[in-house]
Structure formats: structure tokens, C-alpha cells
C-alpha atoms as a PDB file:
ATOM      1  CA  PHE A   1      -0.030  -0.023   0.051  1.00  0.00           C
ATOM      2  CA  ARG A   2       1.335   3.413  -0.895  1.00  0.00           C
ATOM      3  CA  GLY A   3      -0.432   6.100   0.944  1.00  0.00           C
ATOM      4  CA  PHE A   4      -0.685   9.790  -0.085  1.00  0.00           C
ATOM      5  CA  MET A   5       1.458  12.348   1.558  1.00  0.00           C
ATOM      6  CA  LYS A   6      -0.462  14.301   4.107  1.00  0.00           C
ATOM      7  CA  LYS A   7       0.184  18.091   4.140  1.00  0.00           C
ATOM      8  CA  ASN A   8       0.332  19.678   7.507  1.00  0.00           C
ATOM      9  CA  LEU A   9      -2.170  22.563   7.709  1.00  0.00           C
ATOM     10  CA  GLY A  10      -1.378  23.738  11.267  1.00  0.00           C
ATOM     11  CA  ALA A  11      -3.598  24.069  14.273  1.00  0.00           C
ATOM     12  CA  LYS A  12      -7.123  24.736  12.942  1.00  0.00           C
ATOM     13  CA  SER A  13     -10.631  24.543  14.437  1.00  0.00           C
ATOM     14  CA  TRP A  14     -11.920  22.151  11.625  1.00  0.00           C
ATOM     15  CA  ILE A  15     -13.730  18.992  11.936  1.00  0.00           C
ATOM     16  CA  TYR A  16     -15.468  17.249   8.887  1.00  0.00           C
ATOM     17  CA  PRO A  17     -18.288  17.007   8.388  1.00  0.00           C
ATOM     18  CA  GLU A  18     -19.530  19.678  10.683  1.00  0.00           C
ATOM     19  CA  PRO A  19     -23.318  19.887  11.115  1.00  0.00           C
ATOM     20  CA  VAL A  20     -24.939  23.246  11.179  1.00  0.00           C
ATOM     21  CA  LEU A  21     -26.225  23.499  14.812  1.00  0.00           C
ATOM     22  CA  ILE A  22     -29.140  25.832  15.529  1.00  0.00           C
ATOM     23  CA  VAL A  23     -29.598  26.598  19.236  1.00  0.00           C
ATOM     24  CA  ALA A  24     -32.797  27.903  20.476  1.00  0.00           C
ATOM     25  CA  ALA A  25     -34.028  29.133  23.952  1.00  0.00           C
ATOM     26  CA  TYR A  26     -36.879  31.099  25.534  1.00  0.00           C
ATOM     27  CA  ASP A  27     -36.307  34.409  27.292  1.00  0.00           C
ATOM     28  CA  GLU A  28     -37.996  35.413  30.599  1.00  0.00           C
ATOM     29  CA  ASN A  29     -41.215  36.186  28.597  1.00  0.00           C
ATOM     30  CA  ASN A  30     -41.175  32.962  26.735  1.00  0.00           C
ATOM     31  CA  ASN A  31     -40.176  34.538  23.525  1.00  0.00           C
ATOM     32  CA  ALA A  32     -37.971  32.229  21.339  1.00  0.00           C
ATOM     33  CA  ASN A  33     -34.573  33.104  19.844  1.00  0.00           C
ATOM     34  CA  ALA A  34     -32.308  30.999  17.801  1.00  0.00           C
ATOM     35  CA  MET A  35     -28.763  31.232  16.602  1.00  0.00           C
ATOM     36  CA  ASN A  36     -26.376  29.326  14.344  1.00  0.00           C
ATOM     37  CA  VAL A  37     -23.515  27.927  16.502  1.00  0.00           C
ATOM     38  CA  ALA A  38     -20.211  27.282  14.780  1.00  0.00           C
ATOM     39  CA  TRP A  39     -18.580  25.112  17.288  1.00  0.00           C
ATOM     40  CA  GLY A  40     -20.171  22.232  19.147  1.00  0.00           C
ATOM     41  CA  GLY A  41     -20.318  18.459  19.615  1.00  0.00           C
ATOM     42  CA  ILE A  42     -21.048  15.506  21.717  1.00  0.00           C
ATOM     43  CA  ALA A  43     -19.185  15.570  24.949  1.00  0.00           C
ATOM     44  CA  ASP A  44     -20.037  12.095  26.122  1.00  0.00           C
ATOM     45  CA  GLU A  45     -23.031   9.666  26.300  1.00  0.00           C
ATOM     46  CA  ASN A  46     -25.693  12.208  27.227  1.00  0.00           C
ATOM     47  CA  ARG A  47     -23.897  15.528  27.048  1.00  0.00           C
ATOM     48  CA  ILE A  48     -23.316  18.102  24.347  1.00  0.00           C
ATOM     49  CA  SER A  49     -20.827  21.088  24.293  1.00  0.00           C
ATOM     50  CA  ILE A  50     -21.358  24.226  22.386  1.00  0.00           C
ATOM     51  CA  CYS A  51     -19.368  27.515  22.271  1.00  0.00           C
ATOM     52  CA  ILE A  52     -21.334  30.622  22.717  1.00  0.00           C
ATOM     53  CA  SER A  53     -19.903  34.013  23.723  1.00  0.00           C
ATOM     54  CA  PRO A  54     -21.624  35.990  26.565  1.00  0.00           C
ATOM     55  CA  GLU A  55     -23.022  38.724  24.410  1.00  0.00           C
ATOM     56  CA  HIS A  56     -25.436  36.512  22.469  1.00  0.00           C
ATOM     57  CA  LYS A  57     -29.179  36.834  23.405  1.00  0.00           C
ATOM     58  CA  THR A  58     -29.642  33.094  22.924  1.00  0.00           C
ATOM     59  CA  LEU A  59     -27.016  32.500  25.721  1.00  0.00           C
ATOM     60  CA  LYS A  60     -28.676  34.972  27.958  1.00  0.00           C
ATOM     61  CA  ASN A  61     -31.973  33.052  27.468  1.00  0.00           C
ATOM     62  CA  ILE A  62     -30.242  29.677  28.180  1.00  0.00           C
ATOM     63  CA  LEU A  63     -28.916  31.072  31.434  1.00  0.00           C
ATOM     64  CA  VAL A  64     -32.459  32.311  32.327  1.00  0.00           C
ATOM     65  CA  LYS A  65     -34.449  28.996  31.530  1.00  0.00           C
ATOM     66  CA  LYS A  66     -31.598  26.630  32.129  1.00  0.00           C
ATOM     67  CA  ALA A  67     -32.545  24.731  28.980  1.00  0.00           C
ATOM     68  CA  PHE A  68     -32.035  24.862  25.244  1.00  0.00           C
ATOM     69  CA  SER A  69     -32.732  22.894  22.090  1.00  0.00           C
ATOM     70  CA  ILE A  70     -30.225  22.155  19.390  1.00  0.00           C
ATOM     71  CA  SER A  71     -31.563  21.425  15.829  1.00  0.00           C
ATOM     72  CA  ILE A  72     -29.410  20.376  12.984  1.00  0.00           C
ATOM     73  CA  GLY A  73     -30.031  22.584  10.013  1.00  0.00           C
ATOM     74  CA  ASP A  74     -31.155  20.851   6.682  1.00  0.00           C
ATOM     75  CA  VAL A  75     -30.623  21.627   3.114  1.00  0.00           C
ATOM     76  CA  LYS A  76     -34.219  22.788   2.659  1.00  0.00           C
ATOM     77  CA  ASN A  77     -33.769  25.513   5.349  1.00  0.00           C
ATOM     78  CA  VAL A  78     -30.249  26.792   4.395  1.00  0.00           C
ATOM     79  CA  VAL A  79     -31.454  30.417   4.068  1.00  0.00           C
ATOM     80  CA  ALA A  80     -33.075  30.565   7.398  1.00  0.00           C
ATOM     81  CA  CYS A  81     -30.245  28.688   9.097  1.00  0.00           C
ATOM     82  CA  ASP A  82     -27.738  31.170   7.688  1.00  0.00           C
ATOM     83  CA  PHE A  83     -29.951  34.177   8.632  1.00  0.00           C
ATOM     84  CA  VAL A  84     -30.039  33.235  12.287  1.00  0.00           C
ATOM     85  CA  GLY A  85     -26.269  33.026  12.289  1.00  0.00           C
ATOM     86  CA  ILE A  86     -25.863  36.382  10.632  1.00  0.00           C
ATOM     87  CA  VAL A  87     -28.419  38.579  12.445  1.00  0.00           C
ATOM     88  CA  SER A  88     -28.328  39.264  16.111  1.00  0.00           C
ATOM     89  CA  ALA A  89     -31.524  39.461  18.246  1.00  0.00           C
ATOM     90  CA  ASN A  90     -29.518  42.188  20.250  1.00  0.00           C
ATOM     91  CA  ASP A  91     -29.715  44.293  17.075  1.00  0.00           C
ATOM     92  CA  ASP A  92     -33.079  43.241  15.421  1.00  0.00           C
ATOM     93  CA  VAL A  93     -36.000  42.504  17.637  1.00  0.00           C
ATOM     94  CA  ASP A  94     -37.865  40.982  14.666  1.00  0.00           C
ATOM     95  CA  LYS A  95     -35.027  38.530  13.904  1.00  0.00           C
ATOM     96  CA  MET A  96     -37.191  35.512  14.442  1.00  0.00           C
ATOM     97  CA  LYS A  97     -40.153  36.688  12.492  1.00  0.00           C
ATOM     98  CA  LYS A  98     -37.896  37.631   9.601  1.00  0.00           C
ATOM     99  CA  SER A  99     -36.210  34.107   9.824  1.00  0.00           C
ATOM    100  CA  GLU A 100     -39.624  32.544   9.176  1.00  0.00           C
ATOM    101  CA  PHE A 101     -38.886  29.744  11.708  1.00  0.00           C
ATOM    102  CA  HIS A 102     -41.881  28.671  13.937  1.00  0.00           C
ATOM    103  CA  PHE A 103     -41.559  27.181  17.290  1.00  0.00           C
ATOM    104  CA  THR A 104     -43.269  24.601  19.449  1.00  0.00           C
ATOM    105  CA  LYS A 105     -42.396  24.049  23.142  1.00  0.00           C
ATOM    106  CA  ALA A 106     -40.306  20.952  23.756  1.00  0.00           C
ATOM    107  CA  LYS A 107     -41.958  18.308  25.802  1.00  0.00           C
ATOM    108  CA  ASN A 108     -39.096  17.616  28.156  1.00  0.00           C
ATOM    109  CA  VAL A 109     -37.389  20.982  28.791  1.00  0.00           C
ATOM    110  CA  GLU A 110     -38.381  24.665  28.897  1.00  0.00           C
ATOM    111  CA  ALA A 111     -37.045  25.340  25.362  1.00  0.00           C
ATOM    112  CA  PRO A 112     -38.515  25.885  21.882  1.00  0.00           C
ATOM    113  CA  LEU A 113     -38.199  23.445  18.960  1.00  0.00           C
ATOM    114  CA  ILE A 114     -37.938  24.845  15.545  1.00  0.00           C
ATOM    115  CA  ASP A 115     -40.883  23.282  13.576  1.00  0.00           C
ATOM    116  CA  GLU A 116     -39.050  23.556  10.121  1.00  0.00           C
ATOM    117  CA  LEU A 117     -36.017  21.597  11.275  1.00  0.00           C
ATOM    118  CA  PRO A 118     -36.577  17.855  11.408  1.00  0.00           C
ATOM    119  CA  PHE A 119     -34.048  16.770  14.142  1.00  0.00           C
ATOM    120  CA  ALA A 120     -33.455  18.225  17.523  1.00  0.00           C
ATOM    121  CA  LEU A 121     -31.843  17.488  20.895  1.00  0.00           C
ATOM    122  CA  GLU A 122     -33.698  18.830  24.032  1.00  0.00           C
ATOM    123  CA  CYS A 123     -31.077  19.848  26.661  1.00  0.00           C
ATOM    124  CA  LYS A 124     -30.863  20.967  30.226  1.00  0.00           C
ATOM    125  CA  LEU A 125     -28.053  23.389  31.096  1.00  0.00           C
ATOM    126  CA  ILE A 126     -25.308  21.670  33.164  1.00  0.00           C
ATOM    127  CA  SER A 127     -22.860  24.624  33.193  1.00  0.00           C
ATOM    128  CA  TYR A 128     -21.552  27.627  31.414  1.00  0.00           C
ATOM    129  CA  ASP A 129     -17.965  28.906  31.589  1.00  0.00           C
ATOM    130  CA  GLU A 130     -17.737  32.533  30.487  1.00  0.00           C
ATOM    131  CA  LYS A 131     -13.867  32.378  30.161  1.00  0.00           C
ATOM    132  CA  SER A 132     -14.018  29.439  27.659  1.00  0.00           C
ATOM    133  CA  CYS A 133     -17.546  30.180  26.415  1.00  0.00           C
ATOM    134  CA  CYS A 134     -18.354  26.513  26.897  1.00  0.00           C
ATOM    135  CA  CYS A 135     -21.920  25.662  27.406  1.00  0.00           C
ATOM    136  CA  LEU A 136     -22.527  22.094  28.414  1.00  0.00           C
ATOM    137  CA  GLY A 137     -25.953  20.516  28.273  1.00  0.00           C
ATOM    138  CA  GLU A 138     -27.503  17.328  29.275  1.00  0.00           C
ATOM    139  CA  ILE A 139     -29.348  15.619  26.362  1.00  0.00           C
ATOM    140  CA  VAL A 140     -32.680  14.636  27.849  1.00  0.00           C
ATOM    141  CA  ASN A 141     -34.387  13.837  24.529  1.00  0.00           C
ATOM    142  CA  VAL A 142     -33.845  13.407  20.845  1.00  0.00           C
ATOM    143  CA  CYS A 143     -36.703  14.018  18.557  1.00  0.00           C
ATOM    144  CA  ALA A 144     -37.106  13.644  14.807  1.00  0.00           C
ATOM    145  CA  ASP A 145     -39.853  14.117  12.260  1.00  0.00           C
ATOM    146  CA  GLU A 146     -41.150  10.797  10.995  1.00  0.00           C
ATOM    147  CA  ASN A 147     -40.488  11.840   7.538  1.00  0.00           C
ATOM    148  CA  ILE A 148     -36.742  11.471   7.982  1.00  0.00           C
ATOM    149  CA  LEU A 149     -36.922   8.008   9.554  1.00  0.00           C
ATOM    150  CA  HIS A 150     -36.477   4.866   7.659  1.00  0.00           C
ATOM    151  CA  HIS A 151     -38.566   1.733   8.205  1.00  0.00           C
ATOM    152  CA  VAL A 152     -36.830   0.636  11.483  1.00  0.00           C
ATOM    153  CA  GLY A 153     -37.179   4.088  12.974  1.00  0.00           C
ATOM    154  CA  LYS A 154     -33.689   5.335  12.692  1.00  0.00           C
ATOM    155  CA  ILE A 155     -32.508   8.532  10.908  1.00  0.00           C
ATOM    156  CA  ASP A 156     -32.227   8.191   7.127  1.00  0.00           C
ATOM    157  CA  LEU A 157     -29.536  10.702   5.970  1.00  0.00           C
ATOM    158  CA  ILE A 158     -30.848  10.704   2.408  1.00  0.00           C
ATOM    159  CA  LYS A 159     -34.298  11.738   3.592  1.00  0.00           C
ATOM    160  CA  PHE A 160     -32.937  14.109   6.346  1.00  0.00           C
ATOM    161  CA  GLU A 161     -30.276  15.995   4.060  1.00  0.00           C
ATOM    162  CA  PRO A 162     -28.453  17.583   6.983  1.00  0.00           C
ATOM    163  CA  LEU A 163     -26.733  20.929   6.312  1.00  0.00           C
ATOM    164  CA  ILE A 164     -22.955  20.637   6.592  1.00  0.00           C
ATOM    165  CA  TYR A 165     -20.754  23.511   7.212  1.00  0.00           C
ATOM    166  CA  ASP A 166     -17.201  23.681   5.606  1.00  0.00           C
ATOM    167  CA  PRO A 167     -15.129  25.675   8.109  1.00  0.00           C
ATOM    168  CA  CYS A 168     -12.102  25.711   5.835  1.00  0.00           C
ATOM    169  CA  ASN A 169     -13.838  27.439   2.960  1.00  0.00           C
ATOM    170  CA  HIS A 170     -16.573  29.196   4.955  1.00  0.00           C
ATOM    171  CA  ASP A 171     -19.459  27.622   3.056  1.00  0.00           C
ATOM    172  CA  TYR A 172     -22.311  25.225   3.362  1.00  0.00           C
END
């Protein structure tokens, strides 16, 4: 076997494939907000870690309600997923209306689920470290629209069409 030479690219915050994570949380008045989170991943069997800086409205909501949802964007909703990553609710109070996302309260935590996105994690806040911006959540439920499941009840990636972010080229 003759392998290809690997080129060293240096220390980068890249992982492939990287799902587009859309984090949603309610504020103190039960108004939903959502944002596109660049960095996140499974921390262990029932925990997820996401990186959110303190100035984000969604983080402030998470800290108030001690809960959040994480949906994975899909190809069908690429425009809305990108929009919630570009526009800040701190600057635009109509952000969620403009996104055209709709919300339903999660059954297991005090957080909104995005109706248009077919896959989500319902999470309870475990901790938030302002210095590292690390938000750690306990996954208490995974929910999926039936139309992305195959006949044995598991996720079918062909039906799902998850949106993948390319951190090297800054593209979906």
C-alpha cells in the first residue's frame, strides 16, 4: 500500500463533516430566539458542548431558563439557518419573525423546538464557563420528524439531508 502524503495545515478549528447547529432558547417572557452555533459536539453519552460567547441573546436566554434545544439545519432551510447566524437579536427585535422559523415548546425541557427543522436535541443546562464560552448541556431527549426516519425508526440521512458547514472554505 502506498499512501498519499499528508500536508500539515497547522492547528485549525476544523472537523469534517461539521453539522450546522441551530440553538434555540426562551427568554424570561417565553419569546423564542435561535442562533447558528459554529462550534459544538457530543461531549459524552448524554452531554453536548457548544461554544457561545456571553453577548449572545440566545445564551442569555439559556442562562435564564436553564434549557435549550439544538436542531441540525437541513438543506431545505439553508437560508433561514444562515440568517439566524448572521443577524443578532440584540440588534434586530424582529429577527425570529424575519427568519420565518416557527416554534413549538419541547416536551421535556423549557425550550423551543424549531418546527421547520426535522431533528433536535432537548437539553438541560449543566454549566456555562464565561472564560472558555463553553456551554454544557445534558441531552434529555432526541426528537425527529417521522418523514426523515427509515422503516426501522432510525434517521435516514438521504431523507434528512443535513446541512454541513465547511469551516475551511466558510461555506455550506
